[in-house]
Amino acid sequence: MDARLAGKSVLVVGAGASAPGWGIGRAVTAQFVREGARVLAVDVEPDRLEETARLIADEGGACQTAVADSLSLPDMERAVQGCVAAFGRIDVLQHNVGGGGPGGVLETSEAEWRRLIDLNLTSAFIVAKAALPAMLDAGGAITFISSVAAFRPVAGSSPAYHAAKAGVVQLARVIALQHAAQGVRVNCILPGYVDTPEMRRRHAARFGAGRVEEIMQRRAATIPSGRAASVWDIAHAAVFLASDEARQISGTEIVIDGTQTLQSAPPYLPPG
């Protein structure tokens, strides 16, 4: 069987990982390469980007890299130009930038609110604004990583994170509608709990390294499927949305949460 993304040119923004190992952005980048895509991997942190390229090379694959800030339009325009120069076009834009934090409205400072809105939502806007002109002639697929927090409150998570992730979903829908006639498809992936190195690092910092497995198991026990998503669950969905198999899918969301958000009980938050 041919690779599902053979011949496609992909720009991945947020291709690094904030903790060692396979984070979502890194796994998505690797899976695109495995599926035959030509990939320009972008991240603001050179060391994180270098590690992504190394892990892909260890598998026998290769990607090109560029250091750029997703909150800088000139940076993103240069990344787009680099992708077009290297591959001739952009078929797929994948946006993996984001992050959250604890606290409610009273605990969230104005500066933290603006930081999280920018990190999660403004970056999506800037990346799309930079890449769209290169995609309008031949069409293509844009995928944003949002979160189930876009439509359901998650206990203990920042209101700015929720608002930003909801904004990403609506941004994707608007772009999808505005540019459908030009063959541009835009969708979101909404993960629930995902077992990532960064999540494990946060649990270790909060509860101690010796309790990480316990906390992860307790989280998984609240999910009807019995497990948290892996980063590869997210990566496989990203490949599908980027592929021609999804050519009639646009302006919608794929929820990856093992049916957790279908429950009436609020998502589980480990005790402090």
Protein backbone atom coordinates (compact mmCIF):
# COMPACT_ATOMS: atom_id res chain seq x y z
CA MET A 1 0.00 0.00 0.00
CA ASP A 2 1.29 3.46 -0.88
CA ALA A 3 2.07 5.87 1.95
CA ARG A 4 -1.01 7.96 2.63
CA LEU A 5 0.79 11.31 2.34
CA ALA A 6 3.24 10.43 -0.43
CA GLY A 7 4.18 13.54 -2.38
CA LYS A 8 2.50 15.97 0.00
CA SER A 9 4.37 18.97 1.38
CA VAL A 10 3.69 19.63 5.05
CA LEU A 11 4.46 22.55 7.31
CA VAL A 12 4.31 21.52 10.98
CA VAL A 13 4.34 24.35 13.51
CA GLY A 14 5.09 23.26 17.06
CA ALA A 15 7.16 20.23 16.11
CA GLY A 16 9.17 20.09 19.33
CA ALA A 17 8.27 18.84 22.79
CA SER A 18 8.50 20.59 26.15
CA ALA A 19 9.71 17.41 27.87
CA PRO A 20 11.99 14.63 26.61
CA GLY A 21 10.28 11.94 24.54
CA TRP A 22 7.34 11.81 22.16
CA GLY A 23 5.05 14.77 22.73
CA ILE A 24 2.06 15.43 20.45
CA GLY A 25 3.84 17.80 18.04
CA ARG A 26 6.84 15.53 17.76
CA ALA A 27 4.72 12.41 17.18
CA VAL A 28 2.59 14.16 14.55
CA THR A 29 5.73 15.28 12.72
CA ALA A 30 7.20 11.78 12.77
CA GLN A 31 3.97 10.18 11.57
CA PHE A 32 3.77 12.56 8.63
CA VAL A 33 7.29 11.53 7.63
CA ARG A 34 6.43 7.85 8.04
CA GLU A 35 3.47 8.35 5.70
CA GLY A 36 5.69 9.72 2.93
CA ALA A 37 5.25 13.48 3.37
CA ARG A 38 7.97 16.05 2.81
CA VAL A 39 8.02 17.93 6.09
CA LEU A 40 9.34 21.28 7.23
CA ALA A 41 9.26 21.12 11.03
CA VAL A 42 9.08 24.45 12.87
CA ASP A 43 9.52 25.26 16.55
CA VAL A 44 10.61 28.26 18.58
CA GLU A 45 13.11 26.18 20.60
CA PRO A 46 16.13 25.00 18.56
CA ASP A 47 17.05 22.20 20.97
CA ARG A 48 13.55 20.75 20.90
CA LEU A 49 13.51 20.92 17.12
CA GLU A 50 16.90 19.24 16.86
CA GLU A 51 15.68 16.38 19.06
CA THR A 52 12.64 15.88 16.83
CA ALA A 53 14.84 15.68 13.73
CA ARG A 54 17.19 13.27 15.50
CA LEU A 55 14.41 10.90 16.57
CA ILE A 56 13.03 10.87 13.02
CA ALA A 57 16.51 10.24 11.62
CA ASP A 58 16.92 7.33 14.04
CA GLU A 59 13.92 5.73 12.30
CA GLY A 60 15.51 6.23 8.90
CA GLY A 61 13.40 9.26 7.99
CA ALA A 62 14.22 12.92 7.52
CA CYS A 63 12.61 16.30 7.86
CA GLN A 64 13.81 19.81 7.24
CA THR A 65 13.72 22.25 10.15
CA ALA A 66 13.32 25.96 10.77
CA VAL A 67 13.39 27.90 14.02
CA ALA A 68 10.50 30.36 14.16
CA ASP A 69 8.08 31.92 16.64
CA SER A 70 4.42 31.17 15.94
CA LEU A 71 3.51 34.52 17.51
CA SER A 72 5.58 36.42 14.94
CA LEU A 73 3.96 36.96 11.55
CA PRO A 74 7.33 37.75 9.88
CA ASP A 75 8.77 34.52 11.33
CA MET A 76 5.86 32.48 10.04
CA GLU A 77 5.99 34.13 6.63
CA ARG A 78 9.67 33.17 6.40
CA ALA A 79 8.81 29.60 7.39
CA VAL A 80 6.14 29.46 4.70
CA GLN A 81 8.57 30.83 2.13
CA GLY A 82 11.10 28.23 3.22
CA CYS A 83 8.58 25.42 2.79
CA VAL A 84 7.59 26.62 -0.66
CA ALA A 85 11.24 27.05 -1.65
CA ALA A 86 12.09 23.54 -0.47
CA PHE A 87 9.06 21.65 -1.75
CA GLY A 88 7.35 23.91 -4.28
CA ARG A 89 4.10 24.29 -2.35
CA ILE A 90 2.29 23.68 0.95
CA ASP A 91 -0.35 20.95 0.91
CA VAL A 92 -0.80 20.63 4.65
CA LEU A 93 -0.48 23.03 7.56
CA GLN A 94 -0.43 21.46 11.02
CA HIS A 95 -0.61 23.72 14.09
CA ASN A 96 0.37 22.05 17.40
CA VAL A 97 1.15 25.09 19.55
CA GLY A 98 -0.59 25.42 22.91
CA GLY A 99 -0.54 25.00 26.64
CA GLY A 100 -2.48 25.75 29.78
CA GLY A 101 -2.20 26.08 33.52
CA PRO A 102 -4.18 25.88 36.76
CA GLY A 103 -6.36 28.47 38.42
CA GLY A 104 -9.69 30.21 38.05
CA VAL A 105 -10.64 33.75 37.11
CA LEU A 106 -9.57 35.12 40.48
CA GLU A 107 -6.21 33.37 40.38
CA THR A 108 -5.43 34.24 36.75
CA SER A 109 -3.56 37.50 36.26
CA GLU A 110 -4.22 39.72 33.28
CA ALA A 111 -0.73 38.94 32.02
CA GLU A 112 -1.35 35.18 32.26
CA TRP A 113 -4.71 35.56 30.49
CA ARG A 114 -3.07 37.37 27.59
CA ARG A 115 -0.19 34.88 27.47
CA LEU A 116 -2.48 31.87 27.18
CA ILE A 117 -4.81 33.52 24.67
CA ASP A 118 -1.79 34.39 22.54
CA LEU A 119 -0.13 30.99 22.88
CA ASN A 120 -3.23 28.99 22.00
CA LEU A 121 -5.36 31.24 19.80
CA THR A 122 -3.33 34.13 18.41
CA SER A 123 -0.63 31.72 17.25
CA ALA A 124 -3.25 29.74 15.30
CA PHE A 125 -4.44 32.93 13.61
CA ILE A 126 -0.90 34.06 12.74
CA VAL A 127 0.13 30.67 11.37
CA ALA A 128 -3.01 30.43 9.22
CA LYS A 129 -2.62 34.03 8.01
CA ALA A 130 0.95 33.34 6.93
CA ALA A 131 0.25 30.03 5.19
CA LEU A 132 -3.10 30.65 3.49
CA PRO A 133 -1.79 32.74 0.57
CA ALA A 134 0.46 29.82 -0.42
CA MET A 135 -2.47 27.38 -0.28
CA LEU A 136 -5.20 29.22 -2.16
CA ASP A 137 -4.21 28.22 -5.70
CA ALA A 138 -4.06 24.46 -5.19
CA GLY A 139 -5.99 24.03 -1.94
CA GLY A 140 -4.87 21.93 0.98
CA ALA A 141 -5.59 20.92 4.54
CA ILE A 142 -5.14 22.88 7.78
CA THR A 143 -5.45 21.14 11.13
CA PHE A 144 -5.36 22.78 14.54
CA ILE A 145 -4.88 20.94 17.83
CA SER A 146 -7.57 22.27 20.16
CA SER A 147 -8.93 20.43 23.23
CA VAL A 148 -12.14 19.03 24.69
CA ALA A 149 -11.83 22.09 26.95
CA ALA A 150 -13.17 24.00 23.93
CA PHE A 151 -16.68 22.85 24.79
CA ARG A 152 -16.55 21.34 28.28
CA PRO A 153 -15.04 22.85 31.43
CA VAL A 154 -12.13 20.84 32.82
CA ALA A 155 -11.80 21.12 36.59
CA GLY A 156 -8.82 23.17 37.67
CA SER A 157 -7.79 24.42 34.23
CA SER A 158 -7.35 28.07 33.38
CA PRO A 159 -10.34 29.99 31.97
CA ALA A 160 -7.98 31.52 29.40
CA TYR A 161 -7.08 28.04 28.15
CA HIS A 162 -10.76 27.12 27.77
CA ALA A 163 -11.61 30.38 26.01
CA ALA A 164 -8.63 30.12 23.66
CA LYS A 165 -9.30 26.49 22.70
CA ALA A 166 -12.95 27.36 21.98
CA GLY A 167 -11.70 30.23 19.86
CA VAL A 168 -9.46 27.89 17.86
CA VAL A 169 -12.48 25.76 16.97
CA GLN A 170 -14.47 28.75 15.77
CA LEU A 171 -11.45 30.17 13.91
CA ALA A 172 -11.13 26.87 12.05
CA ARG A 173 -14.81 26.88 11.10
CA VAL A 174 -14.66 30.44 9.79
CA ILE A 175 -11.55 29.78 7.68
CA ALA A 176 -13.10 26.55 6.39
CA LEU A 177 -16.22 28.35 5.21
CA GLN A 178 -14.42 31.37 3.77
CA HIS A 179 -11.98 29.30 1.70
CA ALA A 180 -13.95 26.16 0.85
CA ALA A 181 -14.32 27.28 -2.77
CA GLN A 182 -10.53 27.42 -3.08
CA GLY A 183 -10.17 23.83 -1.92
CA VAL A 184 -8.84 24.62 1.55
CA ARG A 185 -10.06 22.26 4.26
CA VAL A 186 -9.77 23.25 7.94
CA ASN A 187 -10.43 21.00 10.92
CA CYS A 188 -9.58 20.61 14.59
CA ILE A 189 -8.46 17.69 16.72
CA LEU A 190 -9.80 17.86 20.28
CA PRO A 191 -7.85 15.59 22.62
CA GLY A 192 -9.00 14.74 26.11
CA TYR A 193 -6.46 13.31 28.51
CA VAL A 194 -3.28 12.36 26.67
CA ASP A 195 -0.37 10.45 28.17
CA THR A 196 2.54 12.74 27.31
CA PRO A 197 5.99 13.27 28.81
CA GLU A 198 4.93 16.82 29.70
CA MET A 199 1.85 15.56 31.57
CA ARG A 200 4.01 13.09 33.50
CA ARG A 201 6.50 15.85 34.27
CA ARG A 202 3.73 18.05 35.68
CA HIS A 203 2.41 15.23 37.86
CA ALA A 204 5.93 14.55 39.13
CA ALA A 205 6.36 18.23 40.02
CA ARG A 206 2.99 18.38 41.77
CA PHE A 207 2.76 15.00 43.49
CA GLY A 208 6.29 13.59 43.43
CA ALA A 209 7.94 11.25 40.94
CA GLY A 210 6.91 8.19 42.93
CA ARG A 211 3.20 8.89 42.41
CA VAL A 212 3.19 9.49 38.66
CA GLU A 213 2.03 5.98 37.68
CA GLU A 214 -0.64 6.03 40.38
CA ILE A 215 -2.00 9.36 39.18
CA MET A 216 -1.95 8.27 35.53
CA GLN A 217 -3.86 5.10 36.41
CA ARG A 218 -6.42 7.04 38.42
CA ARG A 219 -6.96 9.37 35.49
CA ALA A 220 -7.32 6.46 33.08
CA ALA A 221 -9.86 4.80 35.36
CA THR A 222 -12.25 7.74 34.87
CA ILE A 223 -12.30 7.23 31.10
CA PRO A 224 -14.90 4.74 29.78
CA SER A 225 -12.37 3.29 27.34
CA GLY A 226 -10.09 2.58 30.30
CA ARG A 227 -7.05 4.46 29.05
CA ALA A 228 -5.74 7.89 28.23
CA ALA A 229 -5.01 8.67 24.61
CA SER A 230 -1.45 8.24 23.41
CA VAL A 231 0.34 10.82 21.31
CA TRP A 232 0.08 8.36 18.41
CA ASP A 233 -3.72 8.43 18.63
CA ILE A 234 -3.48 12.14 17.92
CA ALA A 235 -0.87 11.64 15.19
CA HIS A 236 -2.97 9.08 13.30
CA ALA A 237 -5.95 11.45 13.33
CA ALA A 238 -3.74 14.24 11.99
CA VAL A 239 -2.58 12.01 9.13
CA PHE A 240 -6.18 11.14 8.26
CA LEU A 241 -7.27 14.78 8.16
CA ALA A 242 -4.25 15.66 6.01
CA SER A 243 -4.90 12.82 3.57
CA ASP A 244 -7.13 12.67 0.51
CA GLU A 245 -9.33 10.25 2.44
CA ALA A 246 -10.68 13.30 4.26
CA ARG A 247 -11.18 15.43 1.14
CA GLN A 248 -14.84 16.15 1.96
CA ILE A 249 -14.25 16.80 5.66
CA SER A 250 -13.92 20.44 6.66
CA GLY A 251 -15.10 22.78 9.37
CA THR A 252 -15.47 20.06 11.96
CA GLU A 253 -13.75 18.44 14.93
CA ILE A 254 -12.45 15.00 15.83
CA VAL A 255 -12.73 14.33 19.57
CA ILE A 256 -10.16 11.87 20.93
CA ASP A 257 -11.10 11.18 24.53
CA GLY A 258 -12.36 7.59 24.86
CA THR A 259 -15.93 8.98 25.36
CA GLN A 260 -14.92 10.72 28.58
CA THR A 261 -16.76 13.93 27.76
CA LEU A 262 -19.98 11.98 27.15
CA GLN A 263 -20.18 11.29 30.88
CA SER A 264 -22.29 13.46 33.17
CA ALA A 265 -19.56 13.63 35.82
CA PRO A 266 -16.89 16.35 35.46
CA PRO A 267 -13.44 15.28 34.26
CA TYR A 268 -11.23 13.93 37.01
CA LEU A 269 -8.67 16.10 38.74
CA PRO A 270 -6.23 14.36 41.10
CA PRO A 271 -6.36 15.69 44.68
CA GLY A 272 -3.65 18.05 45.83
